[in-house]
Amino acid sequence: MISNIEIPVYLFTGFLGSGKTTFIQDLLEGDDFNAGERTLLLLCEEGEVELKPDAFASPNVFIERIKQEDLETKHLAGLANKHKAERVIVEYNGMWMLQDLFSAAPENWVVYQEMMFADASTFMMYNTNMRQLTFNKMQTAELVVFNRFTEDYDQMEYHKLVRVANRRSQICYEYEIDNVVFDEIPDPLPYDMEAPIITIKDEWFAEWYRDLTENQDNYEGKKIKVKGLVARDKTLPDDYLVFGRHVMTCCVEDIQFAGLACVYSKATDFKTGDWVAVDAKIINREEEIYGEVGPVLVCSKIRKCEPADPEVATF
């Protein structure tokens, strides 16, 4: 039986050798974090560093090793019930997609903190060869920690890779145990938010779309010029279409259509697949296609145009 009592989850991700186990060991040795709460610790891989439970500040830590096939709601809930867990710590396998865990987690498990760890000396190789896995871990992390950082590495290279996946996460670089530097590289938008009419160049679409959907209030009432594709079907009202572009955030397999609700009196003049240039005002309101409040383009003008270059938007 799954309890309705909220259980906080502390999620630590990264590939083997990235420093997850060492961090968890240090965390549980401190009585400020480990003050006696009944803690279920899920280990999802065999790391190079062994945990030392005898050094934990409290003995109320119950370790369970799980395989990928164990990521099933009933099994996870059973482990929490078995140990009467008040919270859960997960040392996640870097080769597993996070969606597997999020889909399997019992409804009362709530992620309180998510941190990704990476060995700076091998991260670029992992990112080149397993981009989907690295992107997946950065996408929802509140903090990305690059261990074993040296003066030979360029912070900007690492910063850019994180920011493609996540504009909100903090980033820090650990040069030595006692020398941790937090990222202070600014991330200005490429367009002028204070312009009377914000013009979005083709190469800026992905960043604009992400910022618009993450920070809707900042765009309320703003006027915009932007190019994209039309999507329409017979179920839509005559003054309504979906406007957007295909966006690749990680790799080719991950291309999706990023669409926005669009209102225009002559919407029926256009068909799915038409490339158009739009002049619009952004209004945030409840929309059926979002299922919640979202940005709506109220258009004063739409005209057919040449395709964007490139046609698939990237970050």
C-alpha atoms as a PDB file:
ATOM      1  CA  MET A   1       0.000   0.000   0.000  1.00  0.00           C
ATOM      2  CA  ILE A   2       1.332   3.448  -0.990  1.00  0.00           C
ATOM      3  CA  SER A   3       1.189   6.034   1.795  1.00  0.00           C
ATOM      4  CA  ASN A   4      -0.177   9.529   1.190  1.00  0.00           C
ATOM      5  CA  ILE A   5       2.485  11.073   3.428  1.00  0.00           C
ATOM      6  CA  GLU A   6       4.958  13.094   1.347  1.00  0.00           C
ATOM      7  CA  ILE A   7       8.430  11.564   1.202  1.00  0.00           C
ATOM      8  CA  PRO A   8      11.263  13.909   0.175  1.00  0.00           C
ATOM      9  CA  VAL A   9      13.695  12.519  -2.388  1.00  0.00           C
ATOM     10  CA  TYR A  10      17.310  13.643  -2.753  1.00  0.00           C
ATOM     11  CA  LEU A  11      18.521  12.643  -6.207  1.00  0.00           C
ATOM     12  CA  PHE A  12      22.196  12.474  -7.188  1.00  0.00           C
ATOM     13  CA  THR A  13      23.086  11.695 -10.795  1.00  0.00           C
ATOM     14  CA  GLY A  14      26.208  11.317 -12.926  1.00  0.00           C
ATOM     15  CA  PHE A  15      28.423   8.666 -14.486  1.00  0.00           C
ATOM     16  CA  LEU A  16      30.719   6.279 -12.640  1.00  0.00           C
ATOM     17  CA  GLY A  17      33.633   8.069 -11.025  1.00  0.00           C
ATOM     18  CA  SER A  18      31.893  11.443 -10.968  1.00  0.00           C
ATOM     19  CA  GLY A  19      31.925  11.803  -7.179  1.00  0.00           C
ATOM     20  CA  LYS A  20      28.345  10.863  -6.218  1.00  0.00           C
ATOM     21  CA  THR A  21      29.287   8.262  -3.602  1.00  0.00           C
ATOM     22  CA  THR A  22      31.873  10.483  -1.935  1.00  0.00           C
ATOM     23  CA  PHE A  23      29.356  13.307  -1.689  1.00  0.00           C
ATOM     24  CA  ILE A  24      26.674  11.034  -0.217  1.00  0.00           C
ATOM     25  CA  GLN A  25      29.182   9.634   2.308  1.00  0.00           C
ATOM     26  CA  ASP A  26      30.115  13.144   3.451  1.00  0.00           C
ATOM     27  CA  LEU A  27      26.461  14.146   3.586  1.00  0.00           C
ATOM     28  CA  LEU A  28      25.464  11.214   5.806  1.00  0.00           C
ATOM     29  CA  GLU A  29      28.446  11.662   8.100  1.00  0.00           C
ATOM     30  CA  GLY A  30      27.150  15.078   9.083  1.00  0.00           C
ATOM     31  CA  ASP A  31      24.589  15.219  11.884  1.00  0.00           C
ATOM     32  CA  ASP A  32      23.091  18.392  10.405  1.00  0.00           C
ATOM     33  CA  PHE A  33      21.709  16.366   7.469  1.00  0.00           C
ATOM     34  CA  ASN A  34      21.628  12.922   9.064  1.00  0.00           C
ATOM     35  CA  ALA A  35      20.050  13.634  12.430  1.00  0.00           C
ATOM     36  CA  GLY A  36      18.246  10.316  12.788  1.00  0.00           C
ATOM     37  CA  GLU A  37      15.616  10.411  10.033  1.00  0.00           C
ATOM     38  CA  ARG A  38      14.766   6.973   8.666  1.00  0.00           C
ATOM     39  CA  THR A  39      16.509   7.146   5.293  1.00  0.00           C
ATOM     40  CA  LEU A  40      16.134   4.736   2.382  1.00  0.00           C
ATOM     41  CA  LEU A  41      19.325   4.893   0.292  1.00  0.00           C
ATOM     42  CA  LEU A  42      18.892   3.443  -3.185  1.00  0.00           C
ATOM     43  CA  LEU A  43      22.119   2.496  -4.938  1.00  0.00           C
ATOM     44  CA  CYS A  44      21.661   1.992  -8.660  1.00  0.00           C
ATOM     45  CA  GLU A  45      25.203   0.995  -9.619  1.00  0.00           C
ATOM     46  CA  GLU A  46      28.396  -0.544  -8.249  1.00  0.00           C
ATOM     47  CA  GLY A  47      30.757   2.400  -7.883  1.00  0.00           C
ATOM     48  CA  GLU A  48      34.516   2.490  -7.447  1.00  0.00           C
ATOM     49  CA  VAL A  49      34.112   4.013  -3.971  1.00  0.00           C
ATOM     50  CA  GLU A  50      32.495   1.948  -1.213  1.00  0.00           C
ATOM     51  CA  LEU A  51      30.127   3.550   1.273  1.00  0.00           C
ATOM     52  CA  LYS A  52      31.124   3.286   4.942  1.00  0.00           C
ATOM     53  CA  PRO A  53      27.874   3.079   6.925  1.00  0.00           C
ATOM     54  CA  ASP A  54      29.760   2.794  10.228  1.00  0.00           C
ATOM     55  CA  ALA A  55      30.822   6.416   9.771  1.00  0.00           C
ATOM     56  CA  PHE A  56      27.286   7.722   9.260  1.00  0.00           C
ATOM     57  CA  ALA A  57      26.092  10.164  11.926  1.00  0.00           C
ATOM     58  CA  SER A  58      22.948   8.068  12.436  1.00  0.00           C
ATOM     59  CA  PRO A  59      22.390   4.330  11.914  1.00  0.00           C
ATOM     60  CA  ASN A  60      18.891   4.904  10.519  1.00  0.00           C
ATOM     61  CA  VAL A  61      20.098   4.582   6.921  1.00  0.00           C
ATOM     62  CA  PHE A  62      18.819   1.527   5.076  1.00  0.00           C
ATOM     63  CA  ILE A  63      20.707   0.639   1.898  1.00  0.00           C
ATOM     64  CA  GLU A  64      19.013  -1.164  -0.976  1.00  0.00           C
ATOM     65  CA  ARG A  65      20.724  -1.988  -4.268  1.00  0.00           C
ATOM     66  CA  ILE A  66      18.397  -1.953  -7.247  1.00  0.00           C
ATOM     67  CA  LYS A  67      18.614  -2.891 -10.919  1.00  0.00           C
ATOM     68  CA  GLN A  68      16.912  -1.087 -13.780  1.00  0.00           C
ATOM     69  CA  GLU A  69      14.097  -3.641 -13.830  1.00  0.00           C
ATOM     70  CA  ASP A  70      13.406  -2.715 -10.189  1.00  0.00           C
ATOM     71  CA  LEU A  71      12.255   0.767 -11.255  1.00  0.00           C
ATOM     72  CA  GLU A  72       8.613  -0.102 -10.746  1.00  0.00           C
ATOM     73  CA  THR A  73       6.201   1.814  -8.543  1.00  0.00           C
ATOM     74  CA  LYS A  74       5.076  -1.150  -6.457  1.00  0.00           C
ATOM     75  CA  HIS A  75       8.662  -2.243  -5.776  1.00  0.00           C
ATOM     76  CA  LEU A  76       9.883   1.229  -4.786  1.00  0.00           C
ATOM     77  CA  ALA A  77       6.881   1.808  -2.548  1.00  0.00           C
ATOM     78  CA  GLY A  78       7.486  -1.592  -0.968  1.00  0.00           C
ATOM     79  CA  LEU A  79      11.065  -0.671  -0.088  1.00  0.00           C
ATOM     80  CA  ALA A  80       9.921   2.593   1.482  1.00  0.00           C
ATOM     81  CA  ASN A  81       7.260   0.763   3.514  1.00  0.00           C
ATOM     82  CA  LYS A  82       9.685  -1.989   4.498  1.00  0.00           C
ATOM     83  CA  HIS A  83      12.034   0.501   6.158  1.00  0.00           C
ATOM     84  CA  LYS A  84       9.350   3.002   7.243  1.00  0.00           C
ATOM     85  CA  ALA A  85      11.334   5.583   5.281  1.00  0.00           C
ATOM     86  CA  GLU A  86      10.894   9.249   6.113  1.00  0.00           C
ATOM     87  CA  ARG A  87      13.005  10.250   3.122  1.00  0.00           C
ATOM     88  CA  VAL A  88      14.812   8.692   0.150  1.00  0.00           C
ATOM     89  CA  ILE A  89      18.291   9.253  -1.261  1.00  0.00           C
ATOM     90  CA  VAL A  90      18.968   7.969  -4.778  1.00  0.00           C
ATOM     91  CA  GLU A  91      22.438   7.439  -6.227  1.00  0.00           C
ATOM     92  CA  TYR A  92      21.291   7.081  -9.824  1.00  0.00           C
ATOM     93  CA  ASN A  93      22.965   5.105 -12.600  1.00  0.00           C
ATOM     94  CA  GLY A  94      24.393   7.445 -15.243  1.00  0.00           C
ATOM     95  CA  MET A  95      23.447   5.015 -18.011  1.00  0.00           C
ATOM     96  CA  TRP A  96      19.730   5.105 -17.137  1.00  0.00           C
ATOM     97  CA  MET A  97      17.362   7.799 -18.347  1.00  0.00           C
ATOM     98  CA  LEU A  98      15.796   9.849 -15.563  1.00  0.00           C
ATOM     99  CA  GLN A  99      12.312   9.404 -17.011  1.00  0.00           C
ATOM    100  CA  ASP A 100      12.485   5.749 -15.923  1.00  0.00           C
ATOM    101  CA  LEU A 101      12.784   6.845 -12.297  1.00  0.00           C
ATOM    102  CA  PHE A 102      10.281   9.704 -12.524  1.00  0.00           C
ATOM    103  CA  SER A 103       7.682   7.401 -14.093  1.00  0.00           C
ATOM    104  CA  ALA A 104       8.199   4.688 -11.486  1.00  0.00           C
ATOM    105  CA  ALA A 105       8.375   6.874  -8.371  1.00  0.00           C
ATOM    106  CA  PRO A 106       5.338   6.554  -6.071  1.00  0.00           C
ATOM    107  CA  GLU A 107       3.047   9.593  -6.138  1.00  0.00           C
ATOM    108  CA  ASN A 108       4.043  10.658  -2.626  1.00  0.00           C
ATOM    109  CA  TRP A 109       7.753  10.802  -3.519  1.00  0.00           C
ATOM    110  CA  VAL A 110       8.693  14.456  -4.109  1.00  0.00           C
ATOM    111  CA  VAL A 111      12.114  15.472  -5.423  1.00  0.00           C
ATOM    112  CA  TYR A 112      13.430  18.057  -2.948  1.00  0.00           C
ATOM    113  CA  GLN A 113      16.865  18.344  -4.484  1.00  0.00           C
ATOM    114  CA  GLU A 114      18.539  17.072  -7.651  1.00  0.00           C
ATOM    115  CA  MET A 115      22.286  17.354  -8.214  1.00  0.00           C
ATOM    116  CA  MET A 116      24.405  16.130 -11.106  1.00  0.00           C
ATOM    117  CA  PHE A 117      28.090  15.299 -10.653  1.00  0.00           C
ATOM    118  CA  ALA A 118      30.608  15.100 -13.486  1.00  0.00           C
ATOM    119  CA  ASP A 119      34.322  14.394 -13.731  1.00  0.00           C
ATOM    120  CA  ALA A 120      35.537  17.392 -15.736  1.00  0.00           C
ATOM    121  CA  SER A 121      38.368  15.318 -17.225  1.00  0.00           C
ATOM    122  CA  THR A 122      35.965  12.856 -18.888  1.00  0.00           C
ATOM    123  CA  PHE A 123      32.767  14.900 -19.251  1.00  0.00           C
ATOM    124  CA  MET A 124      33.499  16.192 -22.749  1.00  0.00           C
ATOM    125  CA  MET A 125      34.095  12.633 -23.968  1.00  0.00           C
ATOM    126  CA  TYR A 126      30.827  11.436 -22.420  1.00  0.00           C
ATOM    127  CA  ASN A 127      29.001  14.418 -23.878  1.00  0.00           C
ATOM    128  CA  THR A 128      30.351  13.695 -27.377  1.00  0.00           C
ATOM    129  CA  ASN A 129      29.655   9.970 -27.334  1.00  0.00           C
ATOM    130  CA  MET A 130      26.539   9.814 -25.127  1.00  0.00           C
ATOM    131  CA  ARG A 131      25.006  13.251 -25.556  1.00  0.00           C
ATOM    132  CA  GLN A 132      21.459  12.081 -24.848  1.00  0.00           C
ATOM    133  CA  LEU A 133      22.472  10.679 -21.450  1.00  0.00           C
ATOM    134  CA  THR A 134      24.466  13.747 -20.371  1.00  0.00           C
ATOM    135  CA  PHE A 135      21.750  16.129 -21.571  1.00  0.00           C
ATOM    136  CA  ASN A 136      19.111  14.097 -19.721  1.00  0.00           C
ATOM    137  CA  LYS A 137      20.919  14.508 -16.394  1.00  0.00           C
ATOM    138  CA  MET A 138      21.547  18.242 -16.808  1.00  0.00           C
ATOM    139  CA  GLN A 139      17.996  19.022 -17.905  1.00  0.00           C
ATOM    140  CA  THR A 140      16.403  18.969 -14.451  1.00  0.00           C
ATOM    141  CA  ALA A 141      19.399  19.326 -12.111  1.00  0.00           C
ATOM    142  CA  GLU A 142      19.325  22.248  -9.674  1.00  0.00           C
ATOM    143  CA  LEU A 143      23.099  22.087  -9.343  1.00  0.00           C
ATOM    144  CA  VAL A 144      25.738  20.690 -11.704  1.00  0.00           C
ATOM    145  CA  VAL A 145      29.097  19.986 -10.060  1.00  0.00           C
ATOM    146  CA  PHE A 146      32.220  19.565 -12.182  1.00  0.00           C
ATOM    147  CA  ASN A 147      34.785  17.735 -10.068  1.00  0.00           C
ATOM    148  CA  ARG A 148      38.526  17.534 -10.785  1.00  0.00           C
ATOM    149  CA  PHE A 149      38.459  20.862 -12.598  1.00  0.00           C
ATOM    150  CA  THR A 150      41.846  22.397 -13.451  1.00  0.00           C
ATOM    151  CA  GLU A 151      43.116  25.711 -14.790  1.00  0.00           C
ATOM    152  CA  ASP A 152      43.544  23.991 -18.181  1.00  0.00           C
ATOM    153  CA  TYR A 153      39.772  23.709 -18.609  1.00  0.00           C
ATOM    154  CA  ASP A 154      37.679  26.577 -19.948  1.00  0.00           C
ATOM    155  CA  GLN A 155      34.653  27.215 -17.728  1.00  0.00           C
ATOM    156  CA  MET A 156      32.771  28.699 -20.687  1.00  0.00           C
ATOM    157  CA  GLU A 157      32.830  25.404 -22.607  1.00  0.00           C
ATOM    158  CA  TYR A 158      31.203  23.576 -19.704  1.00  0.00           C
ATOM    159  CA  HIS A 159      28.858  26.474 -18.966  1.00  0.00           C
ATOM    160  CA  LYS A 160      27.471  26.480 -22.512  1.00  0.00           C
ATOM    161  CA  LEU A 161      26.729  22.749 -22.462  1.00  0.00           C
ATOM    162  CA  VAL A 162      24.795  23.053 -19.206  1.00  0.00           C
ATOM    163  CA  ARG A 163      22.885  26.118 -20.366  1.00  0.00           C
ATOM    164  CA  VAL A 164      21.644  24.382 -23.524  1.00  0.00           C
ATOM    165  CA  ALA A 165      19.930  21.862 -21.258  1.00  0.00           C
ATOM    166  CA  ASN A 166      18.986  24.091 -18.347  1.00  0.00           C
ATOM    167  CA  ARG A 167      19.091  27.877 -17.923  1.00  0.00           C
ATOM    168  CA  ARG A 168      18.243  27.766 -14.226  1.00  0.00           C
ATOM    169  CA  SER A 169      20.681  25.332 -12.693  1.00  0.00           C
ATOM    170  CA  GLN A 170      23.626  26.508 -10.635  1.00  0.00           C
ATOM    171  CA  ILE A 171      27.040  25.351 -11.802  1.00  0.00           C
ATOM    172  CA  CYS A 172      30.159  24.923  -9.709  1.00  0.00           C
ATOM    173  CA  TYR A 173      33.717  23.875 -10.463  1.00  0.00           C
ATOM    174  CA  GLU A 174      35.711  21.956  -7.848  1.00  0.00           C
ATOM    175  CA  TYR A 175      39.426  22.554  -8.413  1.00  0.00           C
ATOM    176  CA  GLU A 176      40.297  20.998  -5.065  1.00  0.00           C
ATOM    177  CA  ILE A 177      38.263  19.919  -2.048  1.00  0.00           C
ATOM    178  CA  ASP A 178      38.657  23.345  -0.468  1.00  0.00           C
ATOM    179  CA  ASN A 179      38.561  25.305  -3.739  1.00  0.00           C
ATOM    180  CA  VAL A 180      35.044  25.297  -5.166  1.00  0.00           C
ATOM    181  CA  VAL A 181      34.112  28.124  -7.531  1.00  0.00           C
ATOM    182  CA  PHE A 182      30.518  28.920  -8.443  1.00  0.00           C
ATOM    183  CA  ASP A 183      29.772  29.873 -12.040  1.00  0.00           C
ATOM    184  CA  GLU A 184      29.126  33.609 -12.458  1.00  0.00           C
ATOM    185  CA  ILE A 185      29.117  33.728 -16.267  1.00  0.00           C
ATOM    186  CA  PRO A 186      26.159  35.904 -17.366  1.00  0.00           C
ATOM    187  CA  ASP A 187      23.531  34.538 -19.749  1.00  0.00           C
ATOM    188  CA  PRO A 188      22.067  37.545 -21.551  1.00  0.00           C
ATOM    189  CA  LEU A 189      19.342  36.942 -24.090  1.00  0.00           C
ATOM    190  CA  PRO A 190      20.481  37.600 -27.685  1.00  0.00           C
ATOM    191  CA  TYR A 191      17.558  39.985 -28.326  1.00  0.00           C
ATOM    192  CA  ASP A 192      16.512  43.250 -26.673  1.00  0.00           C
ATOM    193  CA  MET A 193      13.606  42.687 -24.296  1.00  0.00           C
ATOM    194  CA  GLU A 194      13.071  46.455 -24.011  1.00  0.00           C
ATOM    195  CA  ALA A 195      12.719  47.075 -27.752  1.00  0.00           C
ATOM    196  CA  PRO A 196       9.287  48.404 -28.877  1.00  0.00           C
ATOM    197  CA  ILE A 197       9.094  45.349 -31.140  1.00  0.00           C
ATOM    198  CA  ILE A 198      11.269  42.338 -30.287  1.00  0.00           C
ATOM    199  CA  THR A 199      12.673  40.814 -33.476  1.00  0.00           C
ATOM    200  CA  ILE A 200      13.648  37.147 -33.220  1.00  0.00           C
ATOM    201  CA  LYS A 201      16.239  36.042 -35.762  1.00  0.00           C
ATOM    202  CA  ASP A 202      15.981  32.496 -37.136  1.00  0.00           C
ATOM    203  CA  GLU A 203      18.941  31.326 -35.056  1.00  0.00           C
ATOM    204  CA  TRP A 204      17.394  32.699 -31.862  1.00  0.00           C
ATOM    205  CA  PHE A 205      14.059  30.854 -32.036  1.00  0.00           C
ATOM    206  CA  ALA A 206      14.916  27.960 -29.695  1.00  0.00           C
ATOM    207  CA  GLU A 207      16.279  30.221 -26.976  1.00  0.00           C
ATOM    208  CA  TRP A 208      13.328  32.628 -27.345  1.00  0.00           C
ATOM    209  CA  TYR A 209      10.785  29.785 -27.154  1.00  0.00           C
ATOM    210  CA  ARG A 210      12.373  28.326 -24.039  1.00  0.00           C
ATOM    211  CA  ASP A 211      12.622  31.672 -22.261  1.00  0.00           C
ATOM    212  CA  LEU A 212       9.059  32.571 -23.259  1.00  0.00           C
ATOM    213  CA  THR A 213       7.615  29.342 -21.880  1.00  0.00           C
ATOM    214  CA  GLU A 214       9.742  29.454 -18.694  1.00  0.00           C
ATOM    215  CA  ASN A 215       9.242  33.160 -17.957  1.00  0.00           C
ATOM    216  CA  GLN A 216       5.809  33.946 -19.366  1.00  0.00           C
ATOM    217  CA  ASP A 217       5.208  37.002 -17.185  1.00  0.00           C
ATOM    218  CA  ASN A 218       8.248  38.756 -18.668  1.00  0.00           C
ATOM    219  CA  TYR A 219       6.593  38.705 -22.107  1.00  0.00           C
ATOM    220  CA  GLU A 220       3.082  39.822 -21.194  1.00  0.00           C
ATOM    221  CA  GLY A 221       2.060  42.569 -23.634  1.00  0.00           C
ATOM    222  CA  LYS A 222       5.330  42.441 -25.599  1.00  0.00           C
ATOM    223  CA  LYS A 223       5.204  42.872 -29.374  1.00  0.00           C
ATOM    224  CA  ILE A 224       7.147  40.348 -31.425  1.00  0.00           C
ATOM    225  CA  LYS A 225       8.319  39.593 -34.984  1.00  0.00           C
ATOM    226  CA  VAL A 226       9.223  35.967 -35.572  1.00  0.00           C
ATOM    227  CA  LYS A 227       9.280  33.336 -38.339  1.00  0.00           C
ATOM    228  CA  GLY A 228       7.920  29.788 -38.112  1.00  0.00           C
ATOM    229  CA  LEU A 229       5.619  27.060 -39.357  1.00  0.00           C
ATOM    230  CA  VAL A 230       1.839  26.831 -39.381  1.00  0.00           C
ATOM    231  CA  ALA A 231      -0.059  23.839 -38.025  1.00  0.00           C
ATOM    232  CA  ARG A 232      -3.846  23.677 -38.556  1.00  0.00           C
ATOM    233  CA  ASP A 233      -6.605  21.082 -38.611  1.00  0.00           C
ATOM    234  CA  LYS A 234     -10.364  21.111 -39.020  1.00  0.00           C
ATOM    235  CA  THR A 235     -10.997  21.063 -35.282  1.00  0.00           C
ATOM    236  CA  LEU A 236      -9.520  24.524 -34.809  1.00  0.00           C
ATOM    237  CA  PRO A 237     -11.676  27.683 -34.871  1.00  0.00           C
ATOM    238  CA  ASP A 238     -11.396  29.780 -38.047  1.00  0.00           C
ATOM    239  CA  ASP A 239      -9.351  32.439 -36.260  1.00  0.00           C
ATOM    240  CA  TYR A 240      -6.905  30.013 -34.653  1.00  0.00           C
ATOM    241  CA  LEU A 241      -3.723  28.216 -35.657  1.00  0.00           C
ATOM    242  CA  VAL A 242      -0.660  26.731 -34.000  1.00  0.00           C
ATOM    243  CA  PHE A 243       2.619  28.481 -34.785  1.00  0.00           C
ATOM    244  CA  GLY A 244       6.101  27.139 -34.088  1.00  0.00           C
ATOM    245  CA  ARG A 245       9.168  25.335 -35.314  1.00  0.00           C
ATOM    246  CA  HIS A 246      10.869  21.992 -34.949  1.00  0.00           C
ATOM    247  CA  VAL A 247      13.465  22.275 -32.186  1.00  0.00           C
ATOM    248  CA  MET A 248      16.409  19.974 -31.492  1.00  0.00           C
ATOM    249  CA  THR A 249      17.531  20.257 -27.883  1.00  0.00           C
ATOM    250  CA  CYS A 250      19.880  17.297 -27.714  1.00  0.00           C
ATOM    251  CA  CYS A 251      20.114  15.068 -30.777  1.00  0.00           C
ATOM    252  CA  VAL A 252      18.179  14.143 -33.928  1.00  0.00           C
ATOM    253  CA  GLU A 253      16.006  11.587 -32.077  1.00  0.00           C
ATOM    254  CA  ASP A 254      14.889  14.377 -29.748  1.00  0.00           C
ATOM    255  CA  ILE A 255      13.486  16.810 -32.378  1.00  0.00           C
ATOM    256  CA  GLN A 256      10.014  18.052 -31.412  1.00  0.00           C
ATOM    257  CA  PHE A 257       7.582  20.652 -32.706  1.00  0.00           C
ATOM    258  CA  ALA A 258       7.566  23.607 -30.319  1.00  0.00           C
ATOM    259  CA  GLY A 259       4.175  25.207 -30.859  1.00  0.00           C
ATOM    260  CA  LEU A 260       2.315  28.245 -29.570  1.00  0.00           C
ATOM    261  CA  ALA A 261      -1.366  29.158 -29.685  1.00  0.00           C
ATOM    262  CA  CYS A 262      -1.909  31.852 -32.291  1.00  0.00           C
ATOM    263  CA  VAL A 263      -5.006  33.971 -32.967  1.00  0.00           C
ATOM    264  CA  TYR A 264      -5.496  35.670 -36.362  1.00  0.00           C
ATOM    265  CA  SER A 265      -8.662  36.751 -38.141  1.00  0.00           C
ATOM    266  CA  LYS A 266      -7.522  35.192 -41.448  1.00  0.00           C
ATOM    267  CA  ALA A 267      -6.047  31.993 -40.038  1.00  0.00           C
ATOM    268  CA  THR A 268      -7.862  29.894 -42.665  1.00  0.00           C
ATOM    269  CA  ASP A 269      -5.697  31.499 -45.369  1.00  0.00           C
ATOM    270  CA  PHE A 270      -2.860  29.252 -44.205  1.00  0.00           C
ATOM    271  CA  LYS A 271      -2.318  25.496 -44.094  1.00  0.00           C
ATOM    272  CA  THR A 272      -0.090  23.123 -42.192  1.00  0.00           C
ATOM    273  CA  GLY A 273       3.504  23.394 -43.341  1.00  0.00           C
ATOM    274  CA  ASP A 274       3.380  27.005 -44.508  1.00  0.00           C
ATOM    275  CA  TRP A 275       6.359  29.106 -43.462  1.00  0.00           C
ATOM    276  CA  VAL A 276       5.141  32.463 -42.189  1.00  0.00           C
ATOM    277  CA  ALA A 277       6.438  35.674 -40.661  1.00  0.00           C
ATOM    278  CA  VAL A 278       4.310  36.819 -37.734  1.00  0.00           C
ATOM    279  CA  ASP A 279       3.723  40.223 -36.141  1.00  0.00           C
ATOM    280  CA  ALA A 280       2.005  39.652 -32.808  1.00  0.00           C
ATOM    281  CA  LYS A 281       1.368  40.757 -29.266  1.00  0.00           C
ATOM    282  CA  ILE A 282       1.891  38.180 -26.514  1.00  0.00           C
ATOM    283  CA  ILE A 283      -0.955  37.634 -24.051  1.00  0.00           C
ATOM    284  CA  ASN A 284      -0.876  35.051 -21.262  1.00  0.00           C
ATOM    285  CA  ARG A 285      -4.193  33.278 -20.764  1.00  0.00           C
ATOM    286  CA  GLU A 286      -5.827  29.897 -20.239  1.00  0.00           C
ATOM    287  CA  GLU A 287      -5.673  27.851 -23.443  1.00  0.00           C
ATOM    288  CA  GLU A 288      -7.052  24.406 -24.153  1.00  0.00           C
ATOM    289  CA  ILE A 289      -3.953  23.230 -26.043  1.00  0.00           C
ATOM    290  CA  TYR A 290      -1.799  24.009 -22.998  1.00  0.00           C
ATOM    291  CA  GLY A 291      -4.250  22.801 -20.369  1.00  0.00           C
ATOM    292  CA  GLU A 292      -3.196  25.825 -18.323  1.00  0.00           C
ATOM    293  CA  VAL A 293      -2.260  29.476 -18.668  1.00  0.00           C
ATOM    294  CA  GLY A 294       0.233  29.973 -21.488  1.00  0.00           C
ATOM    295  CA  PRO A 295       1.512  32.517 -24.024  1.00  0.00           C
ATOM    296  CA  VAL A 296      -0.835  33.302 -26.918  1.00  0.00           C
ATOM    297  CA  LEU A 297       0.277  35.203 -30.037  1.00  0.00           C
ATOM    298  CA  VAL A 298      -2.455  37.690 -30.933  1.00  0.00           C
ATOM    299  CA  CYS A 299      -1.446  38.518 -34.504  1.00  0.00           C
ATOM    300  CA  SER A 300      -1.825  41.787 -36.368  1.00  0.00           C
ATOM    301  CA  LYS A 301      -0.175  40.378 -39.498  1.00  0.00           C
ATOM    302  CA  ILE A 302       0.837  36.984 -40.888  1.00  0.00           C
ATOM    303  CA  ARG A 303       2.449  36.583 -44.310  1.00  0.00           C
ATOM    304  CA  LYS A 304       4.021  33.649 -46.132  1.00  0.00           C
ATOM    305  CA  CYS A 305       7.801  33.695 -46.314  1.00  0.00           C
ATOM    306  CA  GLU A 306      10.890  31.648 -47.107  1.00  0.00           C
ATOM    307  CA  PRO A 307      11.819  28.838 -44.661  1.00  0.00           C
ATOM    308  CA  ALA A 308      13.951  29.696 -41.661  1.00  0.00           C
ATOM    309  CA  ASP A 309      17.675  29.065 -41.899  1.00  0.00           C
ATOM    310  CA  PRO A 310      18.258  26.568 -40.415  1.00  0.00           C
ATOM    311  CA  GLU A 311      14.815  24.999 -40.643  1.00  0.00           C
ATOM    312  CA  VAL A 312      15.323  23.019 -37.413  1.00  0.00           C
ATOM    313  CA  ALA A 313      15.986  25.388 -34.508  1.00  0.00           C
ATOM    314  CA  THR A 314      18.826  24.559 -32.129  1.00  0.00           C
ATOM    315  CA  PHE A 315      20.360  26.154 -29.055  1.00  0.00           C
END
